[in-house]
Amino acid sequence: MGQVELEARLFELVGYMLTSGRNLLDETPMYGPFRLVDAASRLILLLEDEEITSSRLSTIRERIDAGKYSVMRSPGEFRTFLDSLVDALVDHMDSHGKEVIRRGKRIEKNKANANVNLGGK
């Protein structure tokens, strides 16, 4: 793909993201997470088309594309899908990145628990 075509595709992706941001002000709240994962899939596909490949990114894109429309079926199913994406992402991260993500997830899941360790070891 040449520079002009790449720029056009990147412009299209940025346009999708920006117009999605605006549209979310008036849309169903569940569309926000859908649009984010869809944009991630589009970005990974664009990289793949440029022969910038990564098995871990391809795996994530495949998972996104397989489950993103669960948003139309059930909020609970879509939430489970998003949780599974985060888990898959963590599985493909280095050890430092895993701790950052897991710490955030632990805080979210346990914030009602007064004894949770929020910051460290």
C-alpha atoms as a PDB file:
ATOM      1  CA  MET A   1       0.000   0.000   0.000  1.00  0.00           C
ATOM      2  CA  GLY A   2       1.377   3.392  -0.903  1.00  0.00           C
ATOM      3  CA  GLN A   3       1.707   6.465   1.292  1.00  0.00           C
ATOM      4  CA  VAL A   4      -1.415   8.096  -0.174  1.00  0.00           C
ATOM      5  CA  GLU A   5      -3.600   5.032   0.363  1.00  0.00           C
ATOM      6  CA  LEU A   6      -2.228   4.520   3.880  1.00  0.00           C
ATOM      7  CA  GLU A   7      -2.916   8.151   4.774  1.00  0.00           C
ATOM      8  CA  ALA A   8      -6.450   7.817   3.387  1.00  0.00           C
ATOM      9  CA  ARG A   9      -7.117   4.705   5.459  1.00  0.00           C
ATOM     10  CA  LEU A  10      -5.682   6.305   8.594  1.00  0.00           C
ATOM     11  CA  PHE A  11      -7.800   9.400   7.946  1.00  0.00           C
ATOM     12  CA  GLU A  12     -10.868   7.181   7.595  1.00  0.00           C
ATOM     13  CA  LEU A  13     -10.081   5.452  10.914  1.00  0.00           C
ATOM     14  CA  VAL A  14      -9.554   8.782  12.683  1.00  0.00           C
ATOM     15  CA  GLY A  15     -12.803  10.031  11.152  1.00  0.00           C
ATOM     16  CA  TYR A  16     -14.610   6.934  12.412  1.00  0.00           C
ATOM     17  CA  MET A  17     -13.222   7.462  15.902  1.00  0.00           C
ATOM     18  CA  LEU A  18     -14.039  11.171  16.032  1.00  0.00           C
ATOM     19  CA  THR A  19     -17.556  10.874  14.631  1.00  0.00           C
ATOM     20  CA  SER A  20     -18.166   7.931  16.969  1.00  0.00           C
ATOM     21  CA  GLY A  21     -17.134  10.141  19.869  1.00  0.00           C
ATOM     22  CA  ARG A  22     -19.676  12.747  18.850  1.00  0.00           C
ATOM     23  CA  ASN A  23     -22.427  10.235  18.123  1.00  0.00           C
ATOM     24  CA  LEU A  24     -21.997   8.632  21.529  1.00  0.00           C
ATOM     25  CA  LEU A  25     -23.458  11.724  23.123  1.00  0.00           C
ATOM     26  CA  ASP A  26     -26.822  10.691  21.683  1.00  0.00           C
ATOM     27  CA  GLU A  27     -26.514   6.912  21.349  1.00  0.00           C
ATOM     28  CA  THR A  28     -27.069   3.964  23.633  1.00  0.00           C
ATOM     29  CA  PRO A  29     -24.194   3.802  26.153  1.00  0.00           C
ATOM     30  CA  MET A  30     -23.294   0.237  25.104  1.00  0.00           C
ATOM     31  CA  TYR A  31     -22.207   1.555  21.695  1.00  0.00           C
ATOM     32  CA  GLY A  32     -19.159   3.226  23.266  1.00  0.00           C
ATOM     33  CA  PRO A  33     -17.347   0.003  24.155  1.00  0.00           C
ATOM     34  CA  PHE A  34     -18.430  -1.508  20.836  1.00  0.00           C
ATOM     35  CA  ARG A  35     -16.957   1.381  18.871  1.00  0.00           C
ATOM     36  CA  LEU A  36     -13.694   1.194  20.826  1.00  0.00           C
ATOM     37  CA  VAL A  37     -13.160  -2.503  20.169  1.00  0.00           C
ATOM     38  CA  ASP A  38     -14.243  -2.066  16.558  1.00  0.00           C
ATOM     39  CA  ALA A  39     -11.673   0.740  16.125  1.00  0.00           C
ATOM     40  CA  ALA A  40      -9.003  -1.516  17.650  1.00  0.00           C
ATOM     41  CA  SER A  41      -9.889  -4.243  15.151  1.00  0.00           C
ATOM     42  CA  ARG A  42      -9.746  -1.766  12.266  1.00  0.00           C
ATOM     43  CA  LEU A  43      -6.337  -0.494  13.391  1.00  0.00           C
ATOM     44  CA  ILE A  44      -4.918  -4.011  13.658  1.00  0.00           C
ATOM     45  CA  LEU A  45      -6.293  -4.852  10.203  1.00  0.00           C
ATOM     46  CA  LEU A  46      -4.704  -1.716   8.769  1.00  0.00           C
ATOM     47  CA  LEU A  47      -1.350  -2.744  10.272  1.00  0.00           C
ATOM     48  CA  GLU A  48      -1.740  -6.246   8.865  1.00  0.00           C
ATOM     49  CA  ASP A  49      -2.465  -4.815   5.416  1.00  0.00           C
ATOM     50  CA  GLU A  50       0.817  -2.911   5.751  1.00  0.00           C
ATOM     51  CA  GLU A  51       2.531  -6.216   6.566  1.00  0.00           C
ATOM     52  CA  ILE A  52       3.165  -5.083  10.125  1.00  0.00           C
ATOM     53  CA  THR A  53       2.132  -8.350  11.660  1.00  0.00           C
ATOM     54  CA  SER A  54       1.961  -9.680  15.155  1.00  0.00           C
ATOM     55  CA  SER A  55       0.445 -12.996  16.121  1.00  0.00           C
ATOM     56  CA  ARG A  56      -0.800 -11.551  19.411  1.00  0.00           C
ATOM     57  CA  LEU A  57      -2.493  -8.601  17.678  1.00  0.00           C
ATOM     58  CA  SER A  58      -3.989 -10.905  15.049  1.00  0.00           C
ATOM     59  CA  THR A  59      -5.355 -13.125  17.820  1.00  0.00           C
ATOM     60  CA  ILE A  60      -6.944 -10.117  19.523  1.00  0.00           C
ATOM     61  CA  ARG A  61      -8.451  -8.889  16.223  1.00  0.00           C
ATOM     62  CA  GLU A  62      -9.911 -12.323  15.516  1.00  0.00           C
ATOM     63  CA  ARG A  63     -11.463 -12.430  18.987  1.00  0.00           C
ATOM     64  CA  ILE A  64     -12.869  -8.918  18.551  1.00  0.00           C
ATOM     65  CA  ASP A  65     -14.381  -9.736  15.180  1.00  0.00           C
ATOM     66  CA  ALA A  66     -15.872 -12.975  16.477  1.00  0.00           C
ATOM     67  CA  GLY A  67     -17.611 -11.379  19.460  1.00  0.00           C
ATOM     68  CA  LYS A  68     -18.149  -7.661  18.957  1.00  0.00           C
ATOM     69  CA  TYR A  69     -21.734  -8.036  17.743  1.00  0.00           C
ATOM     70  CA  SER A  70     -22.733  -9.672  21.017  1.00  0.00           C
ATOM     71  CA  VAL A  71     -23.552  -6.073  21.993  1.00  0.00           C
ATOM     72  CA  MET A  72     -26.752  -6.532  19.944  1.00  0.00           C
ATOM     73  CA  ARG A  73     -27.793  -9.650  21.843  1.00  0.00           C
ATOM     74  CA  SER A  74     -27.257  -8.971  25.515  1.00  0.00           C
ATOM     75  CA  PRO A  75     -25.418  -6.466  27.716  1.00  0.00           C
ATOM     76  CA  GLY A  76     -24.294  -9.343  29.953  1.00  0.00           C
ATOM     77  CA  GLU A  77     -22.952 -11.333  27.029  1.00  0.00           C
ATOM     78  CA  PHE A  78     -21.126  -8.249  25.721  1.00  0.00           C
ATOM     79  CA  ARG A  79     -19.646  -7.578  29.161  1.00  0.00           C
ATOM     80  CA  THR A  80     -18.401 -11.175  29.324  1.00  0.00           C
ATOM     81  CA  PHE A  81     -16.923 -10.757  25.837  1.00  0.00           C
ATOM     82  CA  LEU A  82     -15.104  -7.562  26.891  1.00  0.00           C
ATOM     83  CA  ASP A  83     -13.778  -9.266  30.031  1.00  0.00           C
ATOM     84  CA  SER A  84     -12.479 -12.128  27.887  1.00  0.00           C
ATOM     85  CA  LEU A  85     -10.720  -9.621  25.604  1.00  0.00           C
ATOM     86  CA  VAL A  86      -8.967  -8.033  28.569  1.00  0.00           C
ATOM     87  CA  ASP A  87      -7.958 -11.496  29.808  1.00  0.00           C
ATOM     88  CA  ALA A  88      -6.603 -12.380  26.349  1.00  0.00           C
ATOM     89  CA  LEU A  89      -4.704  -9.096  26.232  1.00  0.00           C
ATOM     90  CA  VAL A  90      -3.146  -9.772  29.621  1.00  0.00           C
ATOM     91  CA  ASP A  91      -2.167 -13.268  28.510  1.00  0.00           C
ATOM     92  CA  HIS A  92      -0.198 -11.720  25.647  1.00  0.00           C
ATOM     93  CA  MET A  93       1.544  -8.961  27.642  1.00  0.00           C
ATOM     94  CA  ASP A  94       4.951  -8.897  29.227  1.00  0.00           C
ATOM     95  CA  SER A  95       5.118  -9.248  33.016  1.00  0.00           C
ATOM     96  CA  HIS A  96       5.149  -5.478  33.748  1.00  0.00           C
ATOM     97  CA  GLY A  97       2.083  -4.823  31.606  1.00  0.00           C
ATOM     98  CA  LYS A  98       0.229  -7.726  33.197  1.00  0.00           C
ATOM     99  CA  GLU A  99       0.658  -6.275  36.666  1.00  0.00           C
ATOM    100  CA  VAL A 100      -0.655  -2.866  35.565  1.00  0.00           C
ATOM    101  CA  ILE A 101      -3.774  -4.380  33.969  1.00  0.00           C
ATOM    102  CA  ARG A 102      -4.396  -6.885  36.743  1.00  0.00           C
ATOM    103  CA  ARG A 103      -4.038  -4.198  39.395  1.00  0.00           C
ATOM    104  CA  GLY A 104      -6.704  -2.101  37.651  1.00  0.00           C
ATOM    105  CA  LYS A 105      -9.011  -5.087  37.258  1.00  0.00           C
ATOM    106  CA  ARG A 106      -8.534  -6.137  40.897  1.00  0.00           C
ATOM    107  CA  ILE A 107      -9.434  -2.640  42.081  1.00  0.00           C
ATOM    108  CA  GLU A 108     -12.565  -2.585  39.927  1.00  0.00           C
ATOM    109  CA  LYS A 109     -13.763  -6.008  41.007  1.00  0.00           C
ATOM    110  CA  ASN A 110     -12.974  -5.490  44.691  1.00  0.00           C
ATOM    111  CA  LYS A 111     -13.511  -1.780  45.306  1.00  0.00           C
ATOM    112  CA  ALA A 112     -16.340  -2.548  47.715  1.00  0.00           C
ATOM    113  CA  ASN A 113     -13.961  -4.636  49.819  1.00  0.00           C
ATOM    114  CA  ALA A 114     -12.378  -2.401  52.458  1.00  0.00           C
ATOM    115  CA  ASN A 115      -9.422  -4.778  52.904  1.00  0.00           C
ATOM    116  CA  VAL A 116      -8.281  -4.737  49.284  1.00  0.00           C
ATOM    117  CA  ASN A 117      -4.642  -3.870  48.649  1.00  0.00           C
ATOM    118  CA  LEU A 118      -4.902  -1.082  46.088  1.00  0.00           C
ATOM    119  CA  GLY A 119      -1.342  -0.266  45.467  1.00  0.00           C
ATOM    120  CA  GLY A 120       1.205  -2.821  46.086  1.00  0.00           C
ATOM    121  CA  LYS A 121       2.604  -5.977  47.339  1.00  0.00           C
END
